[in-house]
Amino acid sequence: MADRWLGVVVSGDKVILVDAEVDGDKPLVLQSDQTWTLQSGSRSEAYGTMSQQIADYVRENSIKRVVMKESAVSGGAATRVIAKFW
């Protein structure tokens, strides 16, 4: 049986979501590809709101796994990319 996975990337003021069915070795079946815009104002509040919107999407669409690309700048060094799996 296929599971729904959600990929999330934040870039600037945009959040890109890719929702796909994953079923073993079979090809992915794309369910949705969306770009959402962060609200203006406080970045912290915008991330809080977006987090709730993503949680609602996950619940409403029976998503089993979320993969989020995270970028962090550390002390002037090049950007380090970490993939998080839940």
N, C-alpha and C. Protein backbone atom coordinates (compact mmCIF):
# COMPACT_ATOMS: atom_id res chain seq x y z
N MET A 1 0.83 -1.18 0.00
CA MET A 1 0.00 0.00 0.00
C MET A 1 0.88 1.25 0.00
N ALA A 2 0.51 2.22 -0.78
CA ALA A 2 1.28 3.45 -0.91
C ALA A 2 1.09 4.35 0.30
N ASP A 3 2.17 5.02 0.72
CA ASP A 3 2.12 6.04 1.76
C ASP A 3 2.28 7.40 1.10
N ARG A 4 1.69 8.42 1.72
CA ARG A 4 1.86 9.79 1.24
C ARG A 4 3.04 10.41 1.97
N TRP A 5 3.95 11.02 1.21
CA TRP A 5 5.09 11.75 1.74
C TRP A 5 4.98 13.20 1.30
N LEU A 6 5.49 14.11 2.13
CA LEU A 6 5.48 15.53 1.81
C LEU A 6 6.90 16.06 1.91
N GLY A 7 7.39 16.68 0.83
CA GLY A 7 8.69 17.35 0.82
C GLY A 7 8.46 18.84 0.99
N VAL A 8 9.25 19.49 1.85
CA VAL A 8 9.08 20.92 2.13
C VAL A 8 10.43 21.62 2.00
N VAL A 9 10.45 22.74 1.26
CA VAL A 9 11.65 23.57 1.13
C VAL A 9 11.24 25.02 1.37
N VAL A 10 11.98 25.71 2.24
CA VAL A 10 11.75 27.13 2.48
C VAL A 10 12.86 27.90 1.81
N SER A 11 12.49 28.89 1.00
CA SER A 11 13.47 29.71 0.30
C SER A 11 12.96 31.15 0.27
N GLY A 12 13.64 32.02 1.00
CA GLY A 12 13.19 33.41 1.06
C GLY A 12 11.84 33.48 1.74
N ASP A 13 10.85 34.05 1.05
CA ASP A 13 9.50 34.15 1.63
C ASP A 13 8.55 33.11 1.03
N LYS A 14 9.09 32.09 0.39
CA LYS A 14 8.29 31.04 -0.24
C LYS A 14 8.51 29.70 0.46
N VAL A 15 7.46 28.89 0.50
CA VAL A 15 7.52 27.53 1.01
C VAL A 15 7.00 26.63 -0.11
N ILE A 16 7.82 25.70 -0.55
CA ILE A 16 7.44 24.80 -1.64
C ILE A 16 7.12 23.44 -1.03
N LEU A 17 5.93 22.91 -1.38
CA LEU A 17 5.50 21.61 -0.89
C LEU A 17 5.28 20.67 -2.07
N VAL A 18 5.83 19.46 -1.96
CA VAL A 18 5.63 18.44 -2.98
C VAL A 18 5.07 17.21 -2.26
N ASP A 19 3.87 16.81 -2.63
CA ASP A 19 3.13 15.71 -2.01
C ASP A 19 3.12 14.55 -3.01
N ALA A 20 3.62 13.39 -2.57
CA ALA A 20 3.71 12.24 -3.48
C ALA A 20 3.34 10.95 -2.76
N GLU A 21 2.83 9.99 -3.54
CA GLU A 21 2.59 8.64 -3.03
C GLU A 21 3.87 7.83 -3.25
N VAL A 22 4.30 7.11 -2.21
CA VAL A 22 5.49 6.28 -2.29
C VAL A 22 5.05 4.84 -2.00
N ASP A 23 5.37 3.94 -2.93
CA ASP A 23 4.96 2.55 -2.80
C ASP A 23 6.12 1.63 -3.19
N GLY A 24 7.01 1.40 -2.23
CA GLY A 24 8.14 0.50 -2.46
C GLY A 24 9.00 0.93 -3.63
N ASP A 25 9.24 0.00 -4.56
CA ASP A 25 10.09 0.26 -5.72
C ASP A 25 9.34 0.86 -6.90
N LYS A 26 8.05 1.07 -6.75
CA LYS A 26 7.25 1.65 -7.84
C LYS A 26 7.58 3.13 -7.99
N PRO A 27 7.34 3.71 -9.16
CA PRO A 27 7.58 5.14 -9.34
C PRO A 27 6.70 5.99 -8.42
N LEU A 28 7.21 7.13 -8.02
CA LEU A 28 6.42 8.07 -7.22
C LEU A 28 5.22 8.54 -8.02
N VAL A 29 4.12 8.79 -7.33
CA VAL A 29 2.93 9.35 -7.97
C VAL A 29 2.71 10.72 -7.34
N LEU A 30 2.93 11.78 -8.11
CA LEU A 30 2.80 13.15 -7.61
C LEU A 30 1.32 13.47 -7.37
N GLN A 31 1.01 13.90 -6.16
CA GLN A 31 -0.36 14.29 -5.80
C GLN A 31 -0.55 15.80 -5.87
N SER A 32 0.49 16.55 -5.52
CA SER A 32 0.37 18.00 -5.47
C SER A 32 1.75 18.63 -5.44
N ASP A 33 1.87 19.82 -6.03
CA ASP A 33 3.08 20.62 -6.02
C ASP A 33 2.61 22.06 -5.83
N GLN A 34 2.88 22.63 -4.66
CA GLN A 34 2.35 23.95 -4.33
C GLN A 34 3.44 24.88 -3.82
N THR A 35 3.26 26.17 -4.02
CA THR A 35 4.14 27.18 -3.43
C THR A 35 3.28 28.11 -2.59
N TRP A 36 3.62 28.20 -1.32
CA TRP A 36 2.91 29.09 -0.40
C TRP A 36 3.83 30.24 -0.04
N THR A 37 3.26 31.40 0.27
CA THR A 37 4.02 32.59 0.64
C THR A 37 3.93 32.82 2.14
N LEU A 38 5.08 33.07 2.78
CA LEU A 38 5.08 33.42 4.20
C LEU A 38 4.38 34.76 4.40
N GLN A 39 3.68 34.91 5.50
CA GLN A 39 3.03 36.18 5.79
C GLN A 39 4.09 37.25 6.05
N SER A 40 3.76 38.50 5.78
CA SER A 40 4.71 39.59 6.03
C SER A 40 4.75 39.92 7.52
N GLY A 41 5.76 40.66 7.92
CA GLY A 41 5.90 41.04 9.33
C GLY A 41 6.96 40.20 10.01
N SER A 42 6.71 39.88 11.27
CA SER A 42 7.65 39.12 12.08
C SER A 42 7.94 37.75 11.46
N ARG A 43 9.22 37.48 11.24
CA ARG A 43 9.63 36.19 10.65
C ARG A 43 9.23 35.04 11.57
N SER A 44 9.40 35.23 12.86
CA SER A 44 9.05 34.21 13.83
C SER A 44 7.56 33.87 13.77
N GLU A 45 6.72 34.88 13.73
CA GLU A 45 5.27 34.65 13.63
C GLU A 45 4.91 34.00 12.30
N ALA A 46 5.58 34.41 11.23
CA ALA A 46 5.31 33.84 9.90
C ALA A 46 5.64 32.35 9.90
N TYR A 47 6.77 31.97 10.51
CA TYR A 47 7.13 30.55 10.57
C TYR A 47 6.15 29.78 11.45
N GLY A 48 5.68 30.38 12.52
CA GLY A 48 4.69 29.74 13.39
C GLY A 48 3.40 29.46 12.65
N THR A 49 2.93 30.45 11.90
CA THR A 49 1.71 30.30 11.11
C THR A 49 1.90 29.24 10.04
N MET A 50 3.04 29.27 9.34
CA MET A 50 3.29 28.30 8.28
C MET A 50 3.39 26.89 8.85
N SER A 51 4.00 26.76 10.01
CA SER A 51 4.10 25.46 10.66
C SER A 51 2.71 24.87 10.91
N GLN A 52 1.78 25.71 11.37
CA GLN A 52 0.42 25.24 11.62
C GLN A 52 -0.28 24.87 10.31
N GLN A 53 -0.06 25.65 9.26
CA GLN A 53 -0.67 25.34 7.96
C GLN A 53 -0.15 24.01 7.42
N ILE A 54 1.14 23.77 7.58
CA ILE A 54 1.72 22.50 7.11
C ILE A 54 1.17 21.35 7.95
N ALA A 55 1.08 21.53 9.27
CA ALA A 55 0.53 20.48 10.15
C ALA A 55 -0.91 20.15 9.74
N ASP A 56 -1.70 21.17 9.42
CA ASP A 56 -3.08 20.95 8.97
C ASP A 56 -3.10 20.16 7.67
N TYR A 57 -2.23 20.52 6.73
CA TYR A 57 -2.15 19.83 5.44
C TYR A 57 -1.79 18.35 5.66
N VAL A 58 -0.81 18.11 6.53
CA VAL A 58 -0.37 16.74 6.83
C VAL A 58 -1.54 15.92 7.38
N ARG A 59 -2.26 16.49 8.32
CA ARG A 59 -3.39 15.79 8.94
C ARG A 59 -4.52 15.55 7.94
N GLU A 60 -4.89 16.56 7.18
CA GLU A 60 -6.01 16.47 6.24
C GLU A 60 -5.73 15.52 5.08
N ASN A 61 -4.45 15.30 4.74
CA ASN A 61 -4.10 14.47 3.59
C ASN A 61 -3.45 13.15 3.97
N SER A 62 -3.54 12.79 5.24
CA SER A 62 -3.00 11.51 5.75
C SER A 62 -1.55 11.28 5.33
N ILE A 63 -0.73 12.34 5.47
CA ILE A 63 0.70 12.24 5.15
C ILE A 63 1.37 11.38 6.21
N LYS A 64 2.19 10.41 5.77
CA LYS A 64 2.87 9.51 6.70
C LYS A 64 4.28 9.97 7.03
N ARG A 65 4.93 10.72 6.13
CA ARG A 65 6.31 11.14 6.36
C ARG A 65 6.51 12.53 5.74
N VAL A 66 7.29 13.35 6.45
CA VAL A 66 7.63 14.69 5.96
C VAL A 66 9.14 14.79 5.87
N VAL A 67 9.64 15.30 4.74
CA VAL A 67 11.06 15.54 4.54
C VAL A 67 11.21 17.04 4.33
N MET A 68 12.01 17.69 5.20
CA MET A 68 12.18 19.14 5.11
C MET A 68 13.65 19.46 4.89
N LYS A 69 13.91 20.26 3.87
CA LYS A 69 15.27 20.73 3.63
C LYS A 69 15.49 21.95 4.51
N GLU A 70 16.54 21.87 5.31
CA GLU A 70 16.85 22.95 6.24
C GLU A 70 18.22 23.51 5.88
N SER A 71 18.33 24.83 5.83
CA SER A 71 19.61 25.48 5.58
C SER A 71 19.96 26.34 6.78
N ALA A 72 21.23 26.34 7.14
CA ALA A 72 21.68 27.17 8.26
C ALA A 72 23.05 27.73 7.93
N VAL A 73 23.25 29.00 8.22
CA VAL A 73 24.55 29.64 8.04
C VAL A 73 25.27 29.58 9.37
N SER A 74 26.51 29.12 9.35
CA SER A 74 27.26 29.01 10.61
C SER A 74 28.53 29.87 10.55
N GLY A 75 28.50 30.98 11.28
CA GLY A 75 29.68 31.83 11.46
C GLY A 75 30.41 32.24 10.21
N GLY A 76 29.71 32.64 9.16
CA GLY A 76 30.35 33.10 7.94
C GLY A 76 30.79 31.99 7.02
N ALA A 77 30.63 30.74 7.43
CA ALA A 77 31.00 29.61 6.57
C ALA A 77 29.93 29.41 5.50
N ALA A 78 30.23 28.55 4.58
CA ALA A 78 29.25 28.25 3.53
C ALA A 78 27.99 27.66 4.15
N THR A 79 26.89 27.79 3.45
CA THR A 79 25.62 27.27 3.95
C THR A 79 25.69 25.76 4.06
N ARG A 80 25.20 25.26 5.17
CA ARG A 80 25.18 23.83 5.45
C ARG A 80 23.74 23.35 5.27
N VAL A 81 23.52 22.28 4.56
CA VAL A 81 22.18 21.77 4.30
C VAL A 81 21.97 20.47 5.05
N ILE A 82 20.86 20.40 5.74
CA ILE A 82 20.51 19.22 6.51
C ILE A 82 19.11 18.79 6.09
N ALA A 83 18.91 17.52 5.83
CA ALA A 83 17.58 17.00 5.54
C ALA A 83 17.02 16.40 6.82
N LYS A 84 15.81 16.78 7.17
CA LYS A 84 15.16 16.24 8.35
C LYS A 84 14.05 15.30 7.93
N PHE A 85 13.94 14.18 8.62
CA PHE A 85 12.90 13.21 8.34
C PHE A 85 12.05 13.03 9.60
N TRP A 86 10.75 13.06 9.45
CA TRP A 86 9.85 12.81 10.58
C TRP A 86 9.01 11.63 10.27
